[in-house]
Amino acid sequence: MSLREKEFVNLAIITAKKSRHIIFGEIFSNMIAYIFFHFCGAFAQAILAEAGISLLGLGPVDVPTLGMILHWAMMTMALQFGKWWLFIPTGIVLVLLISSLFTLNASMSKLRQLLPS
């Protein structure tokens, strides 16, 4: 709603641009970074939520997911038997996946600040 009051939108209205061009060319193009920001955050939260639910044993049991791998490692008492390799690679994949999403998000935010609007 705040983009609707910006100068570039008012200029597009004054120059008799079509409403389709104003919406997609002016407003939506300035919202892409914001949409991407929220997409990365929601995607990371969804991955962590699925891993957490599957870790508790409440997720799908017939699909191999990162949370289910951790669940079966806990259920078979892998750490007590010295099978640490069941936890470490899965944890590393989760950390790398989530941190890469947040790094991508931060770099897009910095790139958006550098580009002229």
PDB file of N, CA and C in Angstrom:
ATOM      1  N   MET A   1       0.821  -1.190   0.000  1.00  0.00           N
ATOM      2  CA  MET A   1       0.000   0.000   0.000  1.00  0.00           C
ATOM      3  C   MET A   1       0.867   1.257   0.000  1.00  0.00           C
ATOM      4  N   SER A   2       2.034   1.168   0.639  1.00  0.00           N
ATOM      5  CA  SER A   2       2.875   2.363   0.683  1.00  0.00           C
ATOM      6  C   SER A   2       3.499   2.658  -0.683  1.00  0.00           C
ATOM      7  N   LEU A   3       3.678   1.638  -1.509  1.00  0.00           N
ATOM      8  CA  LEU A   3       4.238   1.875  -2.843  1.00  0.00           C
ATOM      9  C   LEU A   3       3.259   2.638  -3.731  1.00  0.00           C
ATOM     10  N   ARG A   4       1.987   2.539  -3.426  1.00  0.00           N
ATOM     11  CA  ARG A   4       0.972   3.223  -4.219  1.00  0.00           C
ATOM     12  C   ARG A   4       1.110   4.735  -4.122  1.00  0.00           C
ATOM     13  N   GLU A   5       1.703   5.213  -3.039  1.00  0.00           N
ATOM     14  CA  GLU A   5       1.834   6.651  -2.818  1.00  0.00           C
ATOM     15  C   GLU A   5       3.200   7.192  -3.243  1.00  0.00           C
ATOM     16  N   LYS A   6       4.048   6.366  -3.811  1.00  0.00           N
ATOM     17  CA  LYS A   6       5.390   6.810  -4.211  1.00  0.00           C
ATOM     18  C   LYS A   6       5.324   7.699  -5.449  1.00  0.00           C
ATOM     19  N   GLU A   7       6.409   8.453  -5.642  1.00  0.00           N
ATOM     20  CA  GLU A   7       6.476   9.404  -6.753  1.00  0.00           C
ATOM     21  C   GLU A   7       6.466   8.725  -8.108  1.00  0.00           C
ATOM     22  N   PHE A   8       7.140   7.590  -8.249  1.00  0.00           N
ATOM     23  CA  PHE A   8       7.193   6.936  -9.559  1.00  0.00           C
ATOM     24  C   PHE A   8       5.820   6.411  -9.975  1.00  0.00           C
ATOM     25  N   VAL A   9       4.970   6.054  -9.020  1.00  0.00           N
ATOM     26  CA  VAL A   9       3.612   5.621  -9.350  1.00  0.00           C
ATOM     27  C   VAL A   9       2.780   6.829  -9.775  1.00  0.00           C
ATOM     28  N   ASN A  10       2.929   7.917  -9.028  1.00  0.00           N
ATOM     29  CA  ASN A  10       2.210   9.141  -9.409  1.00  0.00           C
ATOM     30  C   ASN A  10       2.650   9.640 -10.781  1.00  0.00           C
ATOM     31  N   LEU A  11       3.930   9.528 -11.093  1.00  0.00           N
ATOM     32  CA  LEU A  11       4.430   9.928 -12.404  1.00  0.00           C
ATOM     33  C   LEU A  11       3.842   9.037 -13.495  1.00  0.00           C
ATOM     34  N   ALA A  12       3.732   7.749 -13.227  1.00  0.00           N
ATOM     35  CA  ALA A  12       3.136   6.847 -14.208  1.00  0.00           C
ATOM     36  C   ALA A  12       1.657   7.156 -14.418  1.00  0.00           C
ATOM     37  N   ILE A  13       0.964   7.564 -13.366  1.00  0.00           N
ATOM     38  CA  ILE A  13      -0.448   7.924 -13.493  1.00  0.00           C
ATOM     39  C   ILE A  13      -0.595   9.214 -14.295  1.00  0.00           C
ATOM     40  N   ILE A  14       0.285  10.171 -14.023  1.00  0.00           N
ATOM     41  CA  ILE A  14       0.223  11.459 -14.727  1.00  0.00           C
ATOM     42  C   ILE A  14       0.517  11.280 -16.208  1.00  0.00           C
ATOM     43  N   THR A  15       1.436  10.389 -16.547  1.00  0.00           N
ATOM     44  CA  THR A  15       1.793  10.174 -17.953  1.00  0.00           C
ATOM     45  C   THR A  15       0.830   9.220 -18.653  1.00  0.00           C
ATOM     46  N   ALA A  16      -0.287   8.911 -18.019  1.00  0.00           N
ATOM     47  CA  ALA A  16      -1.376   8.116 -18.591  1.00  0.00           C
ATOM     48  C   ALA A  16      -0.945   6.705 -18.968  1.00  0.00           C
ATOM     49  N   LYS A  17      -0.135   6.102 -18.118  1.00  0.00           N
ATOM     50  CA  LYS A  17       0.211   4.690 -18.326  1.00  0.00           C
ATOM     51  C   LYS A  17      -1.005   3.845 -17.982  1.00  0.00           C
ATOM     52  N   LYS A  18      -1.102   2.700 -18.603  1.00  0.00           N
ATOM     53  CA  LYS A  18      -2.212   1.801 -18.312  1.00  0.00           C
ATOM     54  C   LYS A  18      -2.050   1.226 -16.910  1.00  0.00           C
ATOM     55  N   SER A  19      -3.171   0.888 -16.299  1.00  0.00           N
ATOM     56  CA  SER A  19      -3.122   0.382 -14.925  1.00  0.00           C
ATOM     57  C   SER A  19      -2.350  -0.934 -14.841  1.00  0.00           C
ATOM     58  N   ARG A  20      -2.401  -1.731 -15.891  1.00  0.00           N
ATOM     59  CA  ARG A  20      -1.626  -2.970 -15.924  1.00  0.00           C
ATOM     60  C   ARG A  20      -0.130  -2.684 -15.856  1.00  0.00           C
ATOM     61  N   HIS A  21       0.330  -1.658 -16.584  1.00  0.00           N
ATOM     62  CA  HIS A  21       1.749  -1.285 -16.552  1.00  0.00           C
ATOM     63  C   HIS A  21       2.135  -0.728 -15.188  1.00  0.00           C
ATOM     64  N   ILE A  22       1.244   0.032 -14.586  1.00  0.00           N
ATOM     65  CA  ILE A  22       1.540   0.596 -13.260  1.00  0.00           C
ATOM     66  C   ILE A  22       1.675  -0.520 -12.230  1.00  0.00           C
ATOM     67  N   ILE A  23       0.761  -1.494 -12.281  1.00  0.00           N
ATOM     68  CA  ILE A  23       0.793  -2.577 -11.301  1.00  0.00           C
ATOM     69  C   ILE A  23       2.018  -3.460 -11.497  1.00  0.00           C
ATOM     70  N   PHE A  24       2.223  -3.947 -12.716  1.00  0.00           N
ATOM     71  CA  PHE A  24       3.313  -4.895 -12.941  1.00  0.00           C
ATOM     72  C   PHE A  24       4.654  -4.223 -13.201  1.00  0.00           C
ATOM     73  N   GLY A  25       4.649  -3.097 -13.880  1.00  0.00           N
ATOM     74  CA  GLY A  25       5.905  -2.441 -14.221  1.00  0.00           C
ATOM     75  C   GLY A  25       6.494  -1.600 -13.107  1.00  0.00           C
ATOM     76  N   GLU A  26       5.640  -0.978 -12.324  1.00  0.00           N
ATOM     77  CA  GLU A  26       6.129  -0.077 -11.292  1.00  0.00           C
ATOM     78  C   GLU A  26       6.050  -0.677  -9.891  1.00  0.00           C
ATOM     79  N   ILE A  27       4.869  -1.133  -9.496  1.00  0.00           N
ATOM     80  CA  ILE A  27       4.678  -1.593  -8.120  1.00  0.00           C
ATOM     81  C   ILE A  27       5.267  -2.986  -7.908  1.00  0.00           C
ATOM     82  N   PHE A  28       4.913  -3.940  -8.781  1.00  0.00           N
ATOM     83  CA  PHE A  28       5.369  -5.312  -8.589  1.00  0.00           C
ATOM     84  C   PHE A  28       6.885  -5.436  -8.719  1.00  0.00           C
ATOM     85  N   SER A  29       7.483  -4.675  -9.624  1.00  0.00           N
ATOM     86  CA  SER A  29       8.937  -4.754  -9.784  1.00  0.00           C
ATOM     87  C   SER A  29       9.672  -4.261  -8.543  1.00  0.00           C
ATOM     88  N   ASN A  30       9.055  -3.380  -7.782  1.00  0.00           N
ATOM     89  CA  ASN A  30       9.656  -2.915  -6.534  1.00  0.00           C
ATOM     90  C   ASN A  30       9.345  -3.819  -5.355  1.00  0.00           C
ATOM     91  N   MET A  31       8.422  -4.746  -5.519  1.00  0.00           N
ATOM     92  CA  MET A  31       8.064  -5.672  -4.453  1.00  0.00           C
ATOM     93  C   MET A  31       8.786  -7.007  -4.560  1.00  0.00           C
ATOM     94  N   ILE A  32       9.513  -7.250  -5.630  1.00  0.00           N
ATOM     95  CA  ILE A  32      10.139  -8.558  -5.851  1.00  0.00           C
ATOM     96  C   ILE A  32      11.117  -8.903  -4.728  1.00  0.00           C
ATOM     97  N   ALA A  33      11.926  -7.966  -4.305  1.00  0.00           N
ATOM     98  CA  ALA A  33      12.883  -8.240  -3.222  1.00  0.00           C
ATOM     99  C   ALA A  33      12.155  -8.584  -1.927  1.00  0.00           C
ATOM    100  N   TYR A  34      11.075  -7.894  -1.643  1.00  0.00           N
ATOM    101  CA  TYR A  34      10.281  -8.157  -0.443  1.00  0.00           C
ATOM    102  C   TYR A  34       9.637  -9.547  -0.514  1.00  0.00           C
ATOM    103  N   ILE A  35       9.098  -9.895  -1.662  1.00  0.00           N
ATOM    104  CA  ILE A  35       8.490 -11.213  -1.851  1.00  0.00           C
ATOM    105  C   ILE A  35       9.542 -12.299  -1.727  1.00  0.00           C
ATOM    106  N   PHE A  36      10.705 -12.100  -2.329  1.00  0.00           N
ATOM    107  CA  PHE A  36      11.787 -13.073  -2.252  1.00  0.00           C
ATOM    108  C   PHE A  36      12.276 -13.233  -0.816  1.00  0.00           C
ATOM    109  N   PHE A  37      12.347 -12.134  -0.089  1.00  0.00           N
ATOM    110  CA  PHE A  37      12.746 -12.147   1.316  1.00  0.00           C
ATOM    111  C   PHE A  37      11.813 -13.037   2.132  1.00  0.00           C
ATOM    112  N   HIS A  38      10.530 -12.858   1.957  1.00  0.00           N
ATOM    113  CA  HIS A  38       9.567 -13.653   2.709  1.00  0.00           C
ATOM    114  C   HIS A  38       9.518 -15.095   2.230  1.00  0.00           C
ATOM    115  N   PHE A  39       9.752 -15.330   0.946  1.00  0.00           N
ATOM    116  CA  PHE A  39       9.782 -16.701   0.436  1.00  0.00           C
ATOM    117  C   PHE A  39      10.929 -17.479   1.060  1.00  0.00           C
ATOM    118  N   CYS A  40      12.119 -16.877   1.120  1.00  0.00           N
ATOM    119  CA  CYS A  40      13.274 -17.568   1.719  1.00  0.00           C
ATOM    120  C   CYS A  40      13.030 -17.864   3.192  1.00  0.00           C
ATOM    121  N   GLY A  41      12.470 -16.915   3.905  1.00  0.00           N
ATOM    122  CA  GLY A  41      12.180 -17.137   5.318  1.00  0.00           C
ATOM    123  C   GLY A  41      11.139 -18.216   5.535  1.00  0.00           C
ATOM    124  N   ALA A  42      10.087 -18.200   4.735  1.00  0.00           N
ATOM    125  CA  ALA A  42       9.032 -19.210   4.872  1.00  0.00           C
ATOM    126  C   ALA A  42       9.532 -20.588   4.480  1.00  0.00           C
ATOM    127  N   PHE A  43      10.369 -20.653   3.458  1.00  0.00           N
ATOM    128  CA  PHE A  43      10.918 -21.936   3.014  1.00  0.00           C
ATOM    129  C   PHE A  43      11.828 -22.526   4.087  1.00  0.00           C
ATOM    130  N   ALA A  44      12.658 -21.694   4.697  1.00  0.00           N
ATOM    131  CA  ALA A  44      13.538 -22.165   5.770  1.00  0.00           C
ATOM    132  C   ALA A  44      12.727 -22.620   6.977  1.00  0.00           C
ATOM    133  N   GLN A  45      11.691 -21.888   7.327  1.00  0.00           N
ATOM    134  CA  GLN A  45      10.846 -22.285   8.440  1.00  0.00           C
ATOM    135  C   GLN A  45      10.103 -23.579   8.145  1.00  0.00           C
ATOM    136  N   ALA A  46       9.687 -23.775   6.908  1.00  0.00           N
ATOM    137  CA  ALA A  46       8.990 -25.012   6.543  1.00  0.00           C
ATOM    138  C   ALA A  46       9.929 -26.217   6.636  1.00  0.00           C
ATOM    139  N   ILE A  47      11.180 -26.044   6.231  1.00  0.00           N
ATOM    140  CA  ILE A  47      12.148 -27.136   6.333  1.00  0.00           C
ATOM    141  C   ILE A  47      12.392 -27.488   7.795  1.00  0.00           C
ATOM    142  N   LEU A  48      12.588 -26.471   8.621  1.00  0.00           N
ATOM    143  CA  LEU A  48      12.814 -26.726  10.042  1.00  0.00           C
ATOM    144  C   LEU A  48      11.579 -27.323  10.721  1.00  0.00           C
ATOM    145  N   ALA A  49      10.393 -26.878  10.331  1.00  0.00           N
ATOM    146  CA  ALA A  49       9.173 -27.435  10.917  1.00  0.00           C
ATOM    147  C   ALA A  49       9.015 -28.906  10.535  1.00  0.00           C
ATOM    148  N   GLU A  50       9.270 -29.232   9.282  1.00  0.00           N
ATOM    149  CA  GLU A  50       9.154 -30.626   8.855  1.00  0.00           C
ATOM    150  C   GLU A  50      10.172 -31.493   9.561  1.00  0.00           C
ATOM    151  N   ALA A  51      11.394 -31.002   9.684  1.00  0.00           N
ATOM    152  CA  ALA A  51      12.428 -31.777  10.376  1.00  0.00           C
ATOM    153  C   ALA A  51      12.066 -31.968  11.845  1.00  0.00           C
ATOM    154  N   GLY A  52      11.527 -30.945  12.467  1.00  0.00           N
ATOM    155  CA  GLY A  52      11.130 -31.057  13.871  1.00  0.00           C
ATOM    156  C   GLY A  52       9.971 -32.011  14.080  1.00  0.00           C
ATOM    157  N   ILE A  53       8.975 -31.937  13.210  1.00  0.00           N
ATOM    158  CA  ILE A  53       7.817 -32.833  13.330  1.00  0.00           C
ATOM    159  C   ILE A  53       8.227 -34.272  13.069  1.00  0.00           C
ATOM    160  N   SER A  54       9.056 -34.476  12.053  1.00  0.00           N
ATOM    161  CA  SER A  54       9.515 -35.836  11.762  1.00  0.00           C
ATOM    162  C   SER A  54      10.449 -36.352  12.846  1.00  0.00           C
ATOM    163  N   LEU A  55      11.226 -35.479  13.450  1.00  0.00           N
ATOM    164  CA  LEU A  55      12.113 -35.875  14.539  1.00  0.00           C
ATOM    165  C   LEU A  55      11.308 -36.420  15.720  1.00  0.00           C
ATOM    166  N   LEU A  56      10.151 -35.840  15.958  1.00  0.00           N
ATOM    167  CA  LEU A  56       9.279 -36.313  17.030  1.00  0.00           C
ATOM    168  C   LEU A  56       8.540 -37.600  16.657  1.00  0.00           C
ATOM    169  N   GLY A  57       8.605 -37.980  15.378  1.00  0.00           N
ATOM    170  CA  GLY A  57       7.922 -39.187  14.932  1.00  0.00           C
ATOM    171  C   GLY A  57       6.503 -38.938  14.470  1.00  0.00           C
ATOM    172  N   LEU A  58       6.142 -37.687  14.251  1.00  0.00           N
ATOM    173  CA  LEU A  58       4.785 -37.348  13.850  1.00  0.00           C
ATOM    174  C   LEU A  58       4.648 -37.120  12.347  1.00  0.00           C
ATOM    175  N   GLY A  59       5.735 -37.219  11.610  1.00  0.00           N
ATOM    176  CA  GLY A  59       5.706 -37.000  10.176  1.00  0.00           C
ATOM    177  C   GLY A  59       5.434 -38.290   9.425  1.00  0.00           C
ATOM    178  N   PRO A  60       5.522 -38.231   8.105  1.00  0.00           N
ATOM    179  CA  PRO A  60       5.301 -39.437   7.307  1.00  0.00           C
ATOM    180  C   PRO A  60       6.438 -40.448   7.529  1.00  0.00           C
ATOM    181  N   VAL A  61       6.071 -41.689   7.792  1.00  0.00           N
ATOM    182  CA  VAL A  61       7.086 -42.698   8.105  1.00  0.00           C
ATOM    183  C   VAL A  61       7.608 -43.400   6.859  1.00  0.00           C
ATOM    184  N   ASP A  62       6.915 -43.277   5.737  1.00  0.00           N
ATOM    185  CA  ASP A  62       7.349 -43.977   4.531  1.00  0.00           C
ATOM    186  C   ASP A  62       8.200 -43.119   3.602  1.00  0.00           C
ATOM    187  N   VAL A  63       8.439 -41.883   3.980  1.00  0.00           N
ATOM    188  CA  VAL A  63       9.234 -40.965   3.161  1.00  0.00           C
ATOM    189  C   VAL A  63      10.529 -40.653   3.903  1.00  0.00           C
ATOM    190  N   PRO A  64      11.686 -40.874   3.273  1.00  0.00           N
ATOM    191  CA  PRO A  64      12.944 -40.545   3.959  1.00  0.00           C
ATOM    192  C   PRO A  64      13.208 -39.035   3.932  1.00  0.00           C
ATOM    193  N   THR A  65      13.075 -38.409   5.083  1.00  0.00           N
ATOM    194  CA  THR A  65      13.356 -36.982   5.212  1.00  0.00           C
ATOM    195  C   THR A  65      14.481 -36.801   6.222  1.00  0.00           C
ATOM    196  N   LEU A  66      14.984 -35.583   6.319  1.00  0.00           N
ATOM    197  CA  LEU A  66      16.060 -35.314   7.264  1.00  0.00           C
ATOM    198  C   LEU A  66      15.593 -35.518   8.698  1.00  0.00           C
ATOM    199  N   GLY A  67      14.378 -35.106   8.990  1.00  0.00           N
ATOM    200  CA  GLY A  67      13.840 -35.303  10.332  1.00  0.00           C
ATOM    201  C   GLY A  67      13.633 -36.775  10.654  1.00  0.00           C
ATOM    202  N   MET A  68      13.199 -37.551   9.650  1.00  0.00           N
ATOM    203  CA  MET A  68      12.982 -38.979   9.874  1.00  0.00           C
ATOM    204  C   MET A  68      14.305 -39.712  10.069  1.00  0.00           C
ATOM    205  N   ILE A  69      15.345 -39.281   9.377  1.00  0.00           N
ATOM    206  CA  ILE A  69      16.675 -39.879   9.585  1.00  0.00           C
ATOM    207  C   ILE A  69      17.132 -39.633  11.018  1.00  0.00           C
ATOM    208  N   LEU A  70      16.936 -38.410  11.498  1.00  0.00           N
ATOM    209  CA  LEU A  70      17.292 -38.103  12.883  1.00  0.00           C
ATOM    210  C   LEU A  70      16.417 -38.882  13.873  1.00  0.00           C
ATOM    211  N   HIS A  71      15.157 -39.056  13.540  1.00  0.00           N
ATOM    212  CA  HIS A  71      14.257 -39.816  14.404  1.00  0.00           C
ATOM    213  C   HIS A  71      14.727 -41.265  14.541  1.00  0.00           C
ATOM    214  N   TRP A  72      15.044 -41.887  13.420  1.00  0.00           N
ATOM    215  CA  TRP A  72      15.476 -43.295  13.496  1.00  0.00           C
ATOM    216  C   TRP A  72      16.851 -43.430  14.133  1.00  0.00           C
ATOM    217  N   ALA A  73      17.673 -42.413  14.003  1.00  0.00           N
ATOM    218  CA  ALA A  73      18.963 -42.446  14.695  1.00  0.00           C
ATOM    219  C   ALA A  73      18.759 -42.366  16.205  1.00  0.00           C
ATOM    220  N   MET A  74      17.777 -41.578  16.630  1.00  0.00           N
ATOM    221  CA  MET A  74      17.486 -41.513  18.065  1.00  0.00           C
ATOM    222  C   MET A  74      16.835 -42.804  18.561  1.00  0.00           C
ATOM    223  N   MET A  75      15.919 -43.344  17.763  1.00  0.00           N
ATOM    224  CA  MET A  75      15.199 -44.544  18.191  1.00  0.00           C
ATOM    225  C   MET A  75      16.107 -45.777  18.277  1.00  0.00           C
ATOM    226  N   THR A  76      17.129 -45.831  17.448  1.00  0.00           N
ATOM    227  CA  THR A  76      18.057 -46.968  17.490  1.00  0.00           C
ATOM    228  C   THR A  76      19.219 -46.715  18.434  1.00  0.00           C
ATOM    229  N   MET A  77      19.155 -45.616  19.191  1.00  0.00           N
ATOM    230  CA  MET A  77      20.203 -45.246  20.155  1.00  0.00           C
ATOM    231  C   MET A  77      21.584 -45.246  19.506  1.00  0.00           C
ATOM    232  N   ALA A  78      21.675 -44.502  18.422  1.00  0.00           N
ATOM    233  CA  ALA A  78      22.908 -44.475  17.641  1.00  0.00           C
ATOM    234  C   ALA A  78      24.078 -43.899  18.433  1.00  0.00           C
ATOM    235  N   LEU A  79      23.849 -42.872  19.227  1.00  0.00           N
ATOM    236  CA  LEU A  79      24.956 -42.284  19.986  1.00  0.00           C
ATOM    237  C   LEU A  79      25.467 -43.219  21.075  1.00  0.00           C
ATOM    238  N   GLN A  80      24.570 -43.980  21.662  1.00  0.00           N
ATOM    239  CA  GLN A  80      25.000 -44.919  22.708  1.00  0.00           C
ATOM    240  C   GLN A  80      25.869 -46.036  22.123  1.00  0.00           C
ATOM    241  N   PHE A  81      25.637 -46.384  20.881  1.00  0.00           N
ATOM    242  CA  PHE A  81      26.423 -47.430  20.239  1.00  0.00           C
ATOM    243  C   PHE A  81      27.587 -46.874  19.423  1.00  0.00           C
ATOM    244  N   GLY A  82      27.822 -45.568  19.489  1.00  0.00           N
ATOM    245  CA  GLY A  82      28.959 -44.954  18.814  1.00  0.00           C
ATOM    246  C   GLY A  82      28.744 -44.713  17.337  1.00  0.00           C
ATOM    247  N   LYS A  83      27.509 -44.674  16.887  1.00  0.00           N
ATOM    248  CA  LYS A  83      27.223 -44.430  15.467  1.00  0.00           C
ATOM    249  C   LYS A  83      26.892 -42.956  15.254  1.00  0.00           C
ATOM    250  N   TRP A  84      27.842 -42.082  15.498  1.00  0.00           N
ATOM    251  CA  TRP A  84      27.651 -40.652  15.388  1.00  0.00           C
ATOM    252  C   TRP A  84      27.380 -40.213  13.958  1.00  0.00           C
ATOM    253  N   TRP A  85      27.802 -41.001  12.971  1.00  0.00           N
ATOM    254  CA  TRP A  85      27.655 -40.610  11.575  1.00  0.00           C
ATOM    255  C   TRP A  85      26.186 -40.602  11.131  1.00  0.00           C
ATOM    256  N   LEU A  86      25.298 -41.099  11.955  1.00  0.00           N
ATOM    257  CA  LEU A  86      23.880 -40.992  11.626  1.00  0.00           C
ATOM    258  C   LEU A  86      23.325 -39.603  11.952  1.00  0.00           C
ATOM    259  N   PHE A  87      23.971 -38.888  12.869  1.00  0.00           N
ATOM    260  CA  PHE A  87      23.512 -37.545  13.256  1.00  0.00           C
ATOM    261  C   PHE A  87      24.248 -36.433  12.523  1.00  0.00           C
ATOM    262  N   ILE A  88      25.561 -36.547  12.424  1.00  0.00           N
ATOM    263  CA  ILE A  88      26.396 -35.440  11.934  1.00  0.00           C
ATOM    264  C   ILE A  88      26.074 -35.048  10.481  1.00  0.00           C
ATOM    265  N   PRO A  89      26.044 -35.969   9.514  1.00  0.00           N
ATOM    266  CA  PRO A  89      25.751 -35.526   8.134  1.00  0.00           C
ATOM    267  C   PRO A  89      24.362 -34.904   7.983  1.00  0.00           C
ATOM    268  N   THR A  90      23.379 -35.460   8.678  1.00  0.00           N
ATOM    269  CA  THR A  90      22.030 -34.906   8.600  1.00  0.00           C
ATOM    270  C   THR A  90      21.985 -33.500   9.198  1.00  0.00           C
ATOM    271  N   GLY A  91      22.645 -33.306  10.312  1.00  0.00           N
ATOM    272  CA  GLY A  91      22.712 -31.985  10.921  1.00  0.00           C
ATOM    273  C   GLY A  91      23.456 -30.990  10.053  1.00  0.00           C
ATOM    274  N   ILE A  92      24.530 -31.446   9.421  1.00  0.00           N
ATOM    275  CA  ILE A  92      25.290 -30.562   8.533  1.00  0.00           C
ATOM    276  C   ILE A  92      24.442 -30.149   7.332  1.00  0.00           C
ATOM    277  N   VAL A  93      23.696 -31.085   6.764  1.00  0.00           N
ATOM    278  CA  VAL A  93      22.831 -30.761   5.628  1.00  0.00           C
ATOM    279  C   VAL A  93      21.764 -29.745   6.036  1.00  0.00           C
ATOM    280  N   LEU A  94      21.156 -29.947   7.193  1.00  0.00           N
ATOM    281  CA  LEU A  94      20.152 -28.987   7.673  1.00  0.00           C
ATOM    282  C   LEU A  94      20.754 -27.601   7.880  1.00  0.00           C
ATOM    283  N   VAL A  95      21.900 -27.546   8.528  1.00  0.00           N
ATOM    284  CA  VAL A  95      22.547 -26.254   8.788  1.00  0.00           C
ATOM    285  C   VAL A  95      22.954 -25.580   7.484  1.00  0.00           C
ATOM    286  N   LEU A  96      23.523 -26.323   6.545  1.00  0.00           N
ATOM    287  CA  LEU A  96      23.934 -25.735   5.270  1.00  0.00           C
ATOM    288  C   LEU A  96      22.736 -25.260   4.453  1.00  0.00           C
ATOM    289  N   LEU A  97      21.674 -26.032   4.455  1.00  0.00           N
ATOM    290  CA  LEU A  97      20.487 -25.649   3.700  1.00  0.00           C
ATOM    291  C   LEU A  97      19.855 -24.380   4.245  1.00  0.00           C
ATOM    292  N   ILE A  98      19.675 -24.319   5.547  1.00  0.00           N
ATOM    293  CA  ILE A  98      19.047 -23.148   6.158  1.00  0.00           C
ATOM    294  C   ILE A  98      19.956 -21.924   6.066  1.00  0.00           C
ATOM    295  N   SER A  99      21.249 -22.110   6.332  1.00  0.00           N
ATOM    296  CA  SER A  99      22.158 -20.957   6.259  1.00  0.00           C
ATOM    297  C   SER A  99      22.327 -20.468   4.823  1.00  0.00           C
ATOM    298  N   SER A 100      22.266 -21.360   3.840  1.00  0.00           N
ATOM    299  CA  SER A 100      22.357 -20.900   2.450  1.00  0.00           C
ATOM    300  C   SER A 100      21.123 -20.106   2.052  1.00  0.00           C
ATOM    301  N   LEU A 101      19.951 -20.488   2.553  1.00  0.00           N
ATOM    302  CA  LEU A 101      18.751 -19.702   2.280  1.00  0.00           C
ATOM    303  C   LEU A 101      18.846 -18.314   2.911  1.00  0.00           C
ATOM    304  N   PHE A 102      19.326 -18.237   4.131  1.00  0.00           N
ATOM    305  CA  PHE A 102      19.446 -16.934   4.779  1.00  0.00           C
ATOM    306  C   PHE A 102      20.564 -16.093   4.149  1.00  0.00           C
ATOM    307  N   THR A 103      21.633 -16.722   3.685  1.00  0.00           N
ATOM    308  CA  THR A 103      22.691 -15.989   2.993  1.00  0.00           C
ATOM    309  C   THR A 103      22.195 -15.451   1.659  1.00  0.00           C
ATOM    310  N   LEU A 104      21.453 -16.269   0.941  1.00  0.00           N
ATOM    311  CA  LEU A 104      20.860 -15.825  -0.319  1.00  0.00           C
ATOM    312  C   LEU A 104      19.910 -14.662  -0.084  1.00  0.00           C
ATOM    313  N   ASN A 105      19.159 -14.752   0.986  1.00  0.00           N
ATOM    314  CA  ASN A 105      18.236 -13.693   1.343  1.00  0.00           C
ATOM    315  C   ASN A 105      18.974 -12.396   1.666  1.00  0.00           C
ATOM    316  N   ALA A 106      20.033 -12.488   2.445  1.00  0.00           N
ATOM    317  CA  ALA A 106      20.802 -11.293   2.812  1.00  0.00           C
ATOM    318  C   ALA A 106      21.487 -10.674   1.600  1.00  0.00           C
ATOM    319  N   SER A 107      22.009 -11.511   0.712  1.00  0.00           N
ATOM    320  CA  SER A 107      22.684 -10.975  -0.474  1.00  0.00           C
ATOM    321  C   SER A 107      21.685 -10.312  -1.414  1.00  0.00           C
ATOM    322  N   MET A 108      20.475 -10.859  -1.512  1.00  0.00           N
ATOM    323  CA  MET A 108      19.464 -10.211  -2.345  1.00  0.00           C
ATOM    324  C   MET A 108      19.038  -8.865  -1.749  1.00  0.00           C
ATOM    325  N   SER A 109      18.995  -8.787  -0.436  1.00  0.00           N
ATOM    326  CA  SER A 109      18.644  -7.519   0.207  1.00  0.00           C
ATOM    327  C   SER A 109      19.711  -6.468  -0.060  1.00  0.00           C
ATOM    328  N   LYS A 110      20.980  -6.861   0.030  1.00  0.00           N
ATOM    329  CA  LYS A 110      22.079  -5.922  -0.244  1.00  0.00           C
ATOM    330  C   LYS A 110      22.083  -5.517  -1.712  1.00  0.00           C
ATOM    331  N   LEU A 111      21.830  -6.477  -2.597  1.00  0.00           N
ATOM    332  CA  LEU A 111      21.808  -6.177  -4.021  1.00  0.00           C
ATOM    333  C   LEU A 111      20.673  -5.219  -4.351  1.00  0.00           C
ATOM    334  N   ARG A 112      19.543  -5.413  -3.705  1.00  0.00           N
ATOM    335  CA  ARG A 112      18.389  -4.543  -3.942  1.00  0.00           C
ATOM    336  C   ARG A 112      18.685  -3.122  -3.485  1.00  0.00           C
ATOM    337  N   GLN A 113      19.466  -2.960  -2.407  1.00  0.00           N
ATOM    338  CA  GLN A 113      19.815  -1.614  -1.941  1.00  0.00           C
ATOM    339  C   GLN A 113      20.775  -0.922  -2.883  1.00  0.00           C
ATOM    340  N   LEU A 114      21.620  -1.697  -3.573  1.00  0.00           N
ATOM    341  CA  LEU A 114      22.595  -1.109  -4.480  1.00  0.00           C
ATOM    342  C   LEU A 114      21.984  -0.697  -5.808  1.00  0.00           C
ATOM    343  N   LEU A 115      20.935  -1.401  -6.233  1.00  0.00           N
ATOM    344  CA  LEU A 115      20.317  -1.096  -7.518  1.00  0.00           C
ATOM    345  C   LEU A 115      19.449   0.149  -7.395  1.00  0.00           C
ATOM    346  N   PRO A 116      19.430   0.948  -8.451  1.00  0.00           N
ATOM    347  CA  PRO A 116      18.544   2.120  -8.413  1.00  0.00           C
ATOM    348  C   PRO A 116      17.092   1.668  -8.571  1.00  0.00           C
ATOM    349  N   SER A 117      16.190   2.364  -7.909  1.00  0.00           N
ATOM    350  CA  SER A 117      14.772   1.974  -7.983  1.00  0.00           C
ATOM    351  C   SER A 117      14.032   2.684  -9.064  1.00  0.00           C
TER     352      SER A 117
END
